[in-house]
Amino acid sequence: MAENNADMLHKEYWDLNYVSGPLVFLENGERFPTGAILDVHLTNGELRQGQILEATSTHAVLQILQGTRGIDVKGTSVSLKAEGARVACSEDVIGRRFNGTGQPIDGLPPVVPDKELDINGSAINPVSRDAPNDFIETGISAIDGFNTLVRGQKLPIFLGSGLPANEIANLIVQNSGTKGDDRPFVVVFAAMGITARETQYFLNAFEEGGKGSQVVAFINQADDPAIERIFTPRCALTVAEYLAFEKGYQVLVVLTDLTNYCDALRQVSSAREEIPGRRGYPGYMYTDLSTIYERAGRIRGNPGSVTQIPMLTMPDDDITHPIPDLTGYITEGQIVLSRPLHRQGIFPPVDLLPCLSRLMNNGIGEGKTQDWHREWSNQLYAAYAEGQRIKKLMAIVGEDALTPLDKKYLKFCNEFERKMIGQGFDRRDIEDTFRIGWELMGYLPKSELTRIKASVVDQYYKSAEDLAAEADGIEAKIENA
């Protein structure tokens, strides 16, 4: 077998059949294994690379990574380069910038790899997979306080077109970290189909934000071949798995934008003339997305972990669109951004009510955050939901028809959006989030706080009047001094 592979590596084949979009079709496909990387030799001497998507006894489908423009099927030949797509892995990748296939774009030499690993990774044995746990602090109150991210979790962010996705992605990259854990923390950032302006924004933000040396970035631009977009998340996750499970890092993977990835998947599927599924996307998109999302996790006995925050745009703000719909089936919750909050100038515009972290309880509680964290979150969530209900009621009956208690909830709702959700671009640790939450509860009567133990309420609750009096006293002391 080794001799046959050696022969194939040096042999060129000229039986290209035809070109369709980003694909080239070859005859006699049984010569190449599925997933093999081929060198494509053009008539002008240019060398490109492609990957075998499908190989049968009659044909092979080859996707060209640099695009098919200029390929003449009569004068172009192919030869086997490798039996699978691989990416260089080493701790030296930390702080580096690469394109979607793992080639450096930061002006530095290529990484000298400790290993070259298949970008498709290897499945974690279910018996060895450990349950996600322990708190990852993102610095965003709406996530840390109410939809806590847990090590080993996959928690997507759903947003509409035009909402500040890039700013939120950068905020998470800059501010995330583990609490009470001395293991090294690193962020692997993968961008798919972003513009040149967005690319420059991220590169500048990583360097200026002070976390650039802890970020591994894989960037596929909008004018790069769509095929490269399919490689980008897999290259990023392969590096993340190497750092986590072989070097013991806590790795957070931020993927943006999965909608561009799925559009590239649809383009390749159309070129292969496959029968389309919902909205023209391939019927196997659920399976394909699962091969990305399910690479998050922890391995029992291994100190490292891979945590994912995929970000995706919902076309027409439709959460039932196939991409967010299928993502919701695979992942463990969602963070949803709000267009009305964005119009009010609130950043980050997190729409708290439809948000959910199914694994939140694994990362909070005594020894992790606070033993009353869950009750605190439930109380604020319920009060905010009641305030939103009263807002809708007021739109029908008018403010004069509201009871005094209704007006307190309305005040609480507005202040909650302004102070808790709308934190701006500042990092906020979990202790500050808790403090602001207790202050906001002061807008409500103590008797309304029924979801928290009375002993905890007695310890932390202060009415808005008491807080105002304390503030006045502090100001008076400053003036007298």
Protein backbone atom coordinates (compact mmCIF):
# COMPACT_ATOMS: atom_id res chain seq x y z
CA MET A 1 0.00 0.00 0.00
CA ALA A 2 2.88 2.36 0.85
CA GLU A 3 4.41 1.72 -2.57
CA ASN A 4 1.08 2.44 -4.28
CA ASN A 5 0.78 5.73 -2.37
CA ALA A 6 4.33 6.68 -3.32
CA ASP A 7 3.54 6.00 -6.97
CA MET A 8 0.38 8.11 -6.76
CA LEU A 9 2.26 11.01 -5.17
CA HIS A 10 4.53 11.27 -8.22
CA LYS A 11 2.01 10.41 -10.94
CA GLU A 12 -0.02 13.00 -12.83
CA TYR A 13 -3.50 12.34 -14.19
CA TRP A 14 -4.97 14.19 -17.17
CA ASP A 15 -8.54 12.88 -17.29
CA LEU A 16 -10.40 15.95 -16.08
CA ASN A 17 -13.96 15.88 -17.33
CA TYR A 18 -15.66 19.26 -16.73
CA VAL A 19 -15.83 22.26 -14.39
CA SER A 20 -18.92 23.34 -12.43
CA GLY A 21 -18.64 26.38 -10.16
CA PRO A 22 -15.85 25.70 -7.64
CA LEU A 23 -15.74 21.99 -8.56
CA VAL A 24 -13.83 19.91 -11.09
CA PHE A 25 -15.08 16.45 -12.06
CA LEU A 26 -12.55 13.69 -12.77
CA GLU A 27 -12.96 10.27 -14.34
CA ASN A 28 -11.90 7.02 -12.64
CA GLY A 29 -12.40 8.33 -9.13
CA GLU A 30 -11.41 5.13 -7.30
CA ARG A 31 -7.74 6.16 -7.47
CA PHE A 32 -8.17 8.80 -4.75
CA PRO A 33 -9.52 8.45 -1.20
CA THR A 34 -12.34 10.79 -0.16
CA GLY A 35 -10.83 13.84 1.53
CA ALA A 36 -7.50 13.55 -0.31
CA ILE A 37 -5.65 16.75 -1.20
CA LEU A 38 -4.55 17.02 -4.84
CA ASP A 39 -2.13 19.36 -6.58
CA VAL A 40 -3.73 20.90 -9.66
CA HIS A 41 -1.22 21.84 -12.40
CA LEU A 42 -2.58 24.49 -14.79
CA THR A 43 -1.38 25.03 -18.35
CA ASN A 44 0.26 28.36 -17.40
CA GLY A 45 2.41 26.66 -14.76
CA GLU A 46 0.26 27.79 -11.81
CA LEU A 47 -0.20 25.29 -8.98
CA ARG A 48 -3.47 25.11 -7.06
CA GLN A 49 -4.83 22.66 -4.53
CA GLY A 50 -8.12 20.84 -4.19
CA GLN A 51 -9.84 18.28 -1.99
CA ILE A 52 -11.77 15.20 -3.08
CA LEU A 53 -15.37 15.52 -1.89
CA GLU A 54 -16.62 12.27 -3.39
CA ALA A 55 -14.92 9.33 -5.11
CA THR A 56 -16.64 6.45 -6.91
CA SER A 57 -15.58 3.89 -9.50
CA THR A 58 -16.72 6.20 -12.30
CA HIS A 59 -15.83 9.72 -11.14
CA ALA A 60 -14.37 11.98 -8.44
CA VAL A 61 -15.54 15.44 -7.36
CA LEU A 62 -12.66 17.82 -6.62
CA GLN A 63 -13.22 21.19 -4.91
CA ILE A 64 -10.53 23.74 -5.85
CA LEU A 65 -9.43 25.86 -2.89
CA GLN A 66 -8.25 28.83 -4.96
CA GLY A 67 -11.22 28.78 -7.36
CA THR A 68 -11.63 27.29 -10.84
CA ARG A 69 -11.14 30.43 -12.95
CA GLY A 70 -8.62 29.81 -15.74
CA ILE A 71 -8.72 26.01 -15.55
CA ASP A 72 -8.64 24.31 -18.99
CA VAL A 73 -9.74 20.70 -18.54
CA LYS A 74 -7.74 19.60 -21.61
CA GLY A 75 -4.42 20.96 -20.40
CA THR A 76 -4.74 20.65 -16.62
CA SER A 77 -3.40 17.68 -14.65
CA VAL A 78 -3.72 16.57 -11.02
CA SER A 79 -1.50 14.60 -8.65
CA LEU A 80 -1.97 13.33 -5.12
CA LYS A 81 -0.46 15.62 -2.46
CA ALA A 82 -1.81 14.12 0.78
CA GLU A 83 -4.53 11.72 1.83
CA GLY A 84 -6.32 14.36 3.89
CA ALA A 85 -6.37 18.08 4.67
CA ARG A 86 -4.07 18.90 7.56
CA VAL A 87 -3.11 21.94 9.61
CA ALA A 88 0.14 22.66 11.45
CA CYS A 89 -0.27 22.47 15.22
CA SER A 90 2.12 23.85 17.82
CA GLU A 91 1.97 26.16 20.82
CA ASP A 92 3.72 28.67 18.53
CA VAL A 93 0.37 29.30 16.77
CA ILE A 94 -0.76 31.35 19.80
CA GLY A 95 -0.66 35.02 18.85
CA ARG A 96 -0.51 34.25 15.09
CA ARG A 97 -2.89 35.13 12.23
CA PHE A 98 -3.76 32.70 9.41
CA ASN A 99 -6.06 32.48 6.41
CA GLY A 100 -8.87 29.94 6.22
CA THR A 101 -6.58 27.06 5.29
CA GLY A 102 -3.94 27.74 7.93
CA GLN A 103 -1.43 29.75 5.88
CA PRO A 104 0.14 32.73 7.74
CA ILE A 105 -1.12 36.22 6.84
CA ASP A 106 0.79 38.10 9.54
CA GLY A 107 4.06 38.41 7.62
CA LEU A 108 5.81 35.85 9.82
CA PRO A 109 7.26 32.52 8.65
CA PRO A 110 5.09 29.39 8.63
CA VAL A 111 4.72 27.59 11.95
CA VAL A 112 7.14 24.72 12.55
CA PRO A 113 4.61 22.09 13.61
CA ASP A 114 4.87 19.65 16.48
CA LYS A 115 2.14 17.77 14.62
CA GLU A 116 0.17 18.07 11.40
CA LEU A 117 -3.36 16.99 12.21
CA ASP A 118 -6.36 16.13 10.02
CA ILE A 119 -8.72 19.11 10.08
CA ASN A 120 -11.74 16.83 10.49
CA GLY A 121 -10.51 15.88 13.95
CA SER A 122 -11.41 12.68 15.73
CA ALA A 123 -14.59 12.09 17.69
CA ILE A 124 -14.42 12.13 21.48
CA ASN A 125 -15.31 8.72 22.87
CA PRO A 126 -18.70 9.21 24.60
CA VAL A 127 -17.45 7.12 27.52
CA SER A 128 -14.50 9.52 27.96
CA ARG A 129 -16.50 12.72 27.48
CA ASP A 130 -16.90 14.67 30.72
CA ALA A 131 -19.86 16.91 31.51
CA PRO A 132 -19.27 20.64 30.93
CA ASN A 133 -18.76 22.54 34.18
CA ASP A 134 -17.03 25.56 35.71
CA PHE A 135 -17.75 29.17 34.93
CA ILE A 136 -16.22 31.09 32.01
CA GLU A 137 -16.55 34.83 32.54
CA THR A 138 -17.18 36.78 29.32
CA GLY A 139 -17.37 40.20 30.96
CA ILE A 140 -20.93 40.66 29.64
CA SER A 141 -23.58 40.84 32.39
CA ALA A 142 -26.42 39.49 30.23
CA ILE A 143 -24.39 36.31 29.66
CA ASP A 144 -22.50 35.90 32.94
CA GLY A 145 -25.43 36.70 35.21
CA PHE A 146 -28.36 35.13 33.37
CA ASN A 147 -27.05 32.73 30.68
CA THR A 148 -23.77 31.60 32.13
CA LEU A 149 -21.20 30.06 29.78
CA VAL A 150 -19.68 26.81 31.04
CA ARG A 151 -16.38 25.18 30.09
CA GLY A 152 -17.03 22.62 27.34
CA GLN A 153 -20.35 24.17 26.30
CA LYS A 154 -21.45 25.39 22.86
CA LEU A 155 -23.54 28.56 23.24
CA PRO A 156 -24.45 30.33 19.97
CA ILE A 157 -25.31 34.00 19.47
CA PHE A 158 -28.21 34.73 17.08
CA LEU A 159 -28.39 38.20 15.56
CA GLY A 160 -30.04 40.14 12.78
CA SER A 161 -28.24 41.81 9.92
CA GLY A 162 -26.81 45.19 10.92
CA LEU A 163 -26.54 44.45 14.63
CA PRO A 164 -23.10 44.91 16.23
CA ALA A 165 -21.82 41.35 15.84
CA ASN A 166 -18.19 42.30 15.31
CA GLU A 167 -18.07 44.52 18.39
CA ILE A 168 -19.61 41.80 20.56
CA ALA A 169 -17.23 39.17 19.15
CA ASN A 170 -14.28 41.42 19.97
CA LEU A 171 -15.66 42.15 23.45
CA ILE A 172 -15.85 38.40 24.17
CA VAL A 173 -12.34 37.79 22.77
CA GLN A 174 -10.85 40.59 24.86
CA ASN A 175 -12.64 39.94 28.14
CA SER A 176 -13.20 36.20 28.48
CA GLY A 177 -11.37 34.08 31.02
CA THR A 178 -11.78 31.48 33.73
CA LYS A 179 -12.12 32.40 37.40
CA GLY A 180 -10.19 30.57 40.07
CA ASP A 181 -8.30 28.47 37.51
CA ASP A 182 -4.56 28.84 36.99
CA ARG A 183 -4.51 26.88 33.73
CA PRO A 184 -3.61 28.99 30.65
CA PHE A 185 -6.57 30.44 28.72
CA VAL A 186 -6.49 31.11 24.98
CA VAL A 187 -9.04 32.23 22.37
CA VAL A 188 -9.20 30.71 18.89
CA PHE A 189 -11.05 33.12 16.59
CA ALA A 190 -12.38 32.01 13.19
CA ALA A 191 -14.03 34.51 10.82
CA MET A 192 -15.74 33.38 7.63
CA GLY A 193 -16.67 35.60 4.69
CA ILE A 194 -15.87 38.94 6.34
CA THR A 195 -14.99 42.09 4.40
CA ALA A 196 -11.54 43.67 4.21
CA ARG A 197 -12.73 46.46 6.52
CA GLU A 198 -13.94 43.93 9.09
CA THR A 199 -10.66 42.03 8.80
CA GLN A 200 -8.70 45.18 9.58
CA TYR A 201 -11.05 45.96 12.47
CA PHE A 202 -10.40 42.59 14.10
CA LEU A 203 -6.64 42.64 13.51
CA ASN A 204 -6.34 46.14 14.98
CA ALA A 205 -8.68 45.33 17.87
CA PHE A 206 -6.72 42.22 18.86
CA GLU A 207 -3.45 44.14 18.95
CA GLU A 208 -4.77 47.29 20.62
CA GLY A 209 -6.92 45.43 23.15
CA GLY A 210 -3.93 43.82 24.82
CA LYS A 211 -5.07 40.22 24.25
CA GLY A 212 -3.48 39.73 20.82
CA SER A 213 -0.77 37.45 22.19
CA GLN A 214 -3.46 35.08 23.51
CA VAL A 215 -5.51 34.89 20.31
CA VAL A 216 -5.11 32.49 17.38
CA ALA A 217 -7.00 33.97 14.39
CA PHE A 218 -8.15 32.21 11.21
CA ILE A 219 -9.63 34.74 8.78
CA ASN A 220 -11.44 33.97 5.53
CA GLN A 221 -12.39 37.13 3.65
CA ALA A 222 -15.42 37.64 1.44
CA ASP A 223 -13.31 37.70 -1.74
CA ASP A 224 -11.51 34.46 -0.81
CA PRO A 225 -12.81 31.27 -2.46
CA ALA A 226 -16.02 29.98 -0.92
CA ILE A 227 -14.42 26.56 -0.58
CA GLU A 228 -11.87 28.00 1.85
CA ARG A 229 -14.82 29.03 4.02
CA ILE A 230 -15.63 25.36 4.61
CA PHE A 231 -12.07 24.71 5.80
CA THR A 232 -11.86 27.69 8.18
CA PRO A 233 -13.83 26.42 11.22
CA ARG A 234 -12.28 22.97 10.92
CA CYS A 235 -8.73 24.34 10.89
CA ALA A 236 -9.54 26.52 13.91
CA LEU A 237 -11.13 23.66 15.86
CA THR A 238 -8.25 21.30 15.10
CA VAL A 239 -5.80 23.80 16.57
CA ALA A 240 -8.16 24.33 19.53
CA GLU A 241 -8.35 20.58 20.21
CA TYR A 242 -4.57 20.28 20.06
CA LEU A 243 -4.05 23.14 22.54
CA ALA A 244 -6.80 21.85 24.86
CA PHE A 245 -6.31 18.09 24.90
CA GLU A 246 -2.57 17.80 24.28
CA LYS A 247 -1.29 20.99 25.97
CA GLY A 248 -3.88 21.48 28.72
CA TYR A 249 -5.20 24.93 27.70
CA GLN A 250 -8.69 26.22 28.40
CA VAL A 251 -9.72 27.19 24.86
CA LEU A 252 -12.64 29.40 23.84
CA VAL A 253 -13.49 29.19 20.12
CA VAL A 254 -15.41 32.13 18.62
CA LEU A 255 -16.86 31.36 15.16
CA THR A 256 -18.34 34.17 13.07
CA ASP A 257 -20.37 34.10 10.86
CA LEU A 258 -21.78 30.57 10.48
CA THR A 259 -24.36 31.89 8.01
CA ASN A 260 -21.55 32.61 5.53
CA TYR A 261 -20.27 29.09 6.10
CA CYS A 262 -23.70 27.60 5.36
CA ASP A 263 -24.04 29.74 2.22
CA ALA A 264 -20.72 28.32 1.00
CA LEU A 265 -22.03 24.83 1.75
CA ARG A 266 -25.12 25.61 -0.34
CA GLN A 267 -22.97 26.89 -3.20
CA VAL A 268 -20.92 23.68 -3.30
CA SER A 269 -24.07 21.57 -3.05
CA SER A 270 -25.60 23.43 -5.99
CA ALA A 271 -22.45 22.91 -8.07
CA ARG A 272 -22.71 19.18 -7.34
CA GLU A 273 -26.31 19.31 -8.59
CA GLU A 274 -27.64 17.82 -5.37
CA ILE A 275 -31.33 17.92 -4.53
CA PRO A 276 -31.83 21.00 -2.30
CA GLY A 277 -33.52 20.98 1.07
CA ARG A 278 -35.10 23.88 3.00
CA ARG A 279 -34.36 27.29 1.44
CA GLY A 280 -31.97 25.64 -1.02
CA TYR A 281 -29.56 24.42 1.65
CA PRO A 282 -28.35 20.81 1.36
CA GLY A 283 -30.32 18.18 3.23
CA TYR A 284 -27.20 17.13 5.13
CA MET A 285 -26.60 20.60 6.61
CA TYR A 286 -27.70 19.41 10.07
CA THR A 287 -25.09 16.64 9.99
CA ASP A 288 -22.43 19.01 8.66
CA LEU A 289 -23.07 21.59 11.39
CA SER A 290 -22.95 18.87 14.02
CA THR A 291 -19.41 17.97 12.91
CA ILE A 292 -18.46 21.53 13.93
CA TYR A 293 -20.51 22.06 17.09
CA GLU A 294 -19.88 18.64 18.62
CA ARG A 295 -16.14 19.30 18.71
CA ALA A 296 -16.70 21.31 21.88
CA GLY A 297 -16.29 19.48 25.15
CA ARG A 298 -14.10 18.07 27.89
CA ILE A 299 -12.35 14.72 28.26
CA ARG A 300 -12.40 12.97 31.61
CA GLY A 301 -9.00 13.16 33.26
CA ASN A 302 -7.76 15.87 30.87
CA PRO A 303 -7.36 19.40 32.27
CA GLY A 304 -8.07 21.14 28.95
CA SER A 305 -11.41 22.06 27.39
CA VAL A 306 -12.89 23.42 24.15
CA THR A 307 -15.80 25.86 24.54
CA GLN A 308 -17.61 27.33 21.54
CA ILE A 309 -19.45 30.59 20.87
CA PRO A 310 -20.72 30.33 17.28
CA MET A 311 -22.24 33.56 15.93
CA LEU A 312 -24.72 33.53 13.07
CA THR A 313 -26.91 36.03 11.25
CA MET A 314 -30.62 35.24 11.01
CA PRO A 315 -31.83 36.25 7.52
CA ASP A 316 -34.79 38.65 7.91
CA ASP A 317 -34.43 38.26 11.73
CA ASP A 318 -36.14 34.86 11.32
CA ILE A 319 -35.19 32.55 14.16
CA THR A 320 -36.99 29.69 12.36
CA HIS A 321 -34.62 29.98 9.38
CA PRO A 322 -32.84 26.63 8.78
CA ILE A 323 -29.45 27.83 10.06
CA PRO A 324 -30.51 29.06 13.55
CA ASP A 325 -33.18 26.36 13.69
CA LEU A 326 -30.73 23.49 13.16
CA THR A 327 -28.13 25.18 15.35
CA GLY A 328 -30.63 25.31 18.20
CA TYR A 329 -31.16 21.55 17.98
CA ILE A 330 -27.43 20.82 18.33
CA THR A 331 -26.22 23.44 20.78
CA GLU A 332 -27.01 24.05 24.45
CA GLY A 333 -28.97 27.29 24.42
CA GLN A 334 -28.76 30.61 22.60
CA ILE A 335 -28.06 34.31 23.10
CA VAL A 336 -30.38 36.49 20.99
CA LEU A 337 -29.68 40.12 20.08
CA SER A 338 -32.49 42.68 19.94
CA ARG A 339 -33.00 45.23 17.18
CA PRO A 340 -35.28 47.48 19.31
CA LEU A 341 -32.64 47.65 22.07
CA HIS A 342 -29.99 48.46 19.47
CA ARG A 343 -32.16 51.32 18.18
CA GLN A 344 -32.32 52.68 21.75
CA GLY A 345 -28.52 52.80 21.82
CA ILE A 346 -28.19 49.95 24.33
CA PHE A 347 -25.00 47.89 23.95
CA PRO A 348 -24.75 44.96 23.92
CA PRO A 349 -28.38 44.71 22.77
CA VAL A 350 -29.13 41.29 24.31
CA ASP A 351 -32.81 40.31 24.22
CA LEU A 352 -32.80 38.55 27.56
CA LEU A 353 -36.22 36.86 27.47
CA PRO A 354 -35.59 34.38 24.60
CA CYS A 355 -32.02 33.68 25.77
CA LEU A 356 -31.12 30.42 27.45
CA SER A 357 -28.07 28.54 28.69
CA ARG A 358 -29.12 24.95 29.33
CA LEU A 359 -25.91 24.18 31.23
CA MET A 360 -25.92 27.31 33.40
CA ASN A 361 -26.49 25.36 36.62
CA ASN A 362 -23.26 23.38 36.00
CA GLY A 363 -21.16 26.54 36.18
CA ILE A 364 -22.72 28.50 39.04
CA GLY A 365 -23.38 28.07 42.72
CA GLU A 366 -21.31 27.77 45.86
CA GLY A 367 -17.59 27.71 45.18
CA LYS A 368 -18.07 28.96 41.61
CA THR A 369 -20.09 32.19 41.73
CA GLN A 370 -22.60 32.52 44.61
CA ASP A 371 -24.86 29.93 46.18
CA TRP A 372 -27.84 32.23 45.50
CA HIS A 373 -26.89 32.96 41.85
CA ARG A 374 -29.73 30.88 40.36
CA GLU A 375 -32.37 32.46 42.61
CA TRP A 376 -30.98 35.95 41.94
CA SER A 377 -31.14 35.33 38.19
CA ASN A 378 -34.67 33.91 38.35
CA GLN A 379 -35.92 36.89 40.36
CA LEU A 380 -34.50 39.51 38.01
CA TYR A 381 -35.63 37.56 34.94
CA ALA A 382 -39.20 37.30 36.28
CA ALA A 383 -39.29 40.99 37.23
CA TYR A 384 -38.01 42.02 33.80
CA ALA A 385 -40.62 39.82 32.10
CA GLU A 386 -43.33 41.44 34.21
CA GLY A 387 -42.03 44.89 33.30
CA GLN A 388 -42.17 44.00 29.61
CA ARG A 389 -45.77 42.80 30.03
CA ILE A 390 -46.72 46.08 31.66
CA LYS A 391 -45.07 48.01 28.81
CA LYS A 392 -47.40 46.26 26.38
CA LEU A 393 -50.37 46.86 28.65
CA MET A 394 -49.54 50.58 28.92
CA ALA A 395 -49.51 50.84 25.12
CA ILE A 396 -53.18 49.76 25.19
CA VAL A 397 -54.66 51.35 28.31
CA GLY A 398 -52.27 54.27 28.89
CA GLU A 399 -50.03 55.06 31.85
CA ASP A 400 -52.83 56.53 33.96
CA ALA A 401 -54.50 53.11 34.15
CA LEU A 402 -51.44 51.51 35.77
CA THR A 403 -51.35 50.73 39.49
CA PRO A 404 -48.52 52.06 41.71
CA LEU A 405 -46.96 48.58 41.68
CA ASP A 406 -47.20 48.47 37.87
CA LYS A 407 -45.28 51.74 37.71
CA LYS A 408 -42.56 50.33 39.97
CA TYR A 409 -42.14 47.36 37.62
CA LEU A 410 -42.09 49.73 34.65
CA LYS A 411 -39.34 51.79 36.31
CA PHE A 412 -37.43 48.59 37.10
CA CYS A 413 -37.71 47.38 33.48
CA ASN A 414 -36.33 50.61 32.04
CA GLU A 415 -33.47 50.81 34.54
CA PHE A 416 -32.67 47.11 34.01
CA GLU A 417 -32.20 47.69 30.28
CA ARG A 418 -30.17 50.83 30.88
CA LYS A 419 -27.91 49.66 33.72
CA MET A 420 -27.74 45.86 33.54
CA ILE A 421 -28.00 45.06 29.83
CA GLY A 422 -26.57 48.34 28.55
CA GLN A 423 -23.12 48.12 30.08
CA GLY A 424 -21.37 49.65 27.06
CA PHE A 425 -17.91 48.49 26.02
CA ASP A 426 -16.58 48.16 29.58
CA ARG A 427 -15.71 44.78 31.01
CA ARG A 428 -17.87 43.88 33.97
CA ASP A 429 -16.92 41.06 36.35
CA ILE A 430 -19.52 38.87 37.99
CA GLU A 431 -19.30 40.68 41.34
CA ASP A 432 -20.26 43.97 39.68
CA THR A 433 -23.11 42.22 37.90
CA PHE A 434 -24.44 40.89 41.20
CA ARG A 435 -24.13 44.32 42.85
CA ILE A 436 -26.07 46.06 40.07
CA GLY A 437 -28.74 43.37 40.20
CA TRP A 438 -29.33 43.91 43.91
CA GLU A 439 -29.48 47.66 43.39
CA LEU A 440 -32.10 47.21 40.68
CA MET A 441 -34.21 45.05 42.98
CA GLY A 442 -34.44 48.11 45.23
CA TYR A 443 -36.96 49.59 42.76
CA LEU A 444 -39.39 46.84 43.79
CA PRO A 445 -41.04 46.30 47.19
CA LYS A 446 -39.28 43.71 49.31
CA SER A 447 -42.45 41.64 49.36
CA GLU A 448 -42.16 41.07 45.59
CA LEU A 449 -38.85 39.22 45.91
CA THR A 450 -40.41 35.79 46.35
CA ARG A 451 -37.91 33.74 44.32
CA ILE A 452 -34.98 34.31 46.70
CA LYS A 453 -34.61 32.97 50.22
CA ALA A 454 -35.73 35.51 52.82
CA SER A 455 -32.39 35.29 54.62
CA VAL A 456 -30.52 36.25 51.44
CA VAL A 457 -32.95 39.11 50.73
CA ASP A 458 -32.48 40.43 54.28
CA GLN A 459 -28.71 40.40 53.77
CA TYR A 460 -28.51 42.17 50.39
CA TYR A 461 -31.75 44.07 49.75
CA LYS A 462 -31.83 47.84 49.99
CA SER A 463 -34.70 49.92 48.70
CA ALA A 464 -34.14 52.63 46.13
CA GLU A 465 -34.83 55.21 48.86
CA ASP A 466 -32.16 53.71 51.12
CA LEU A 467 -29.64 53.66 48.26
CA ALA A 468 -30.41 57.29 47.43
CA ALA A 469 -29.98 58.28 51.08
CA GLU A 470 -26.60 56.49 51.21
CA ALA A 471 -25.50 58.27 48.05
CA ASP A 472 -26.51 61.63 49.51
CA GLY A 473 -24.58 60.85 52.69
CA ILE A 474 -21.44 60.01 50.75
CA GLU A 475 -21.71 63.22 48.74
CA ALA A 476 -22.17 65.24 51.95
CA LYS A 477 -19.02 63.68 53.48
CA ILE A 478 -17.03 64.53 50.34
CA GLU A 479 -18.24 68.14 50.42
CA ASN A 480 -17.43 68.53 54.12
CA ALA A 481 -13.97 67.08 53.57
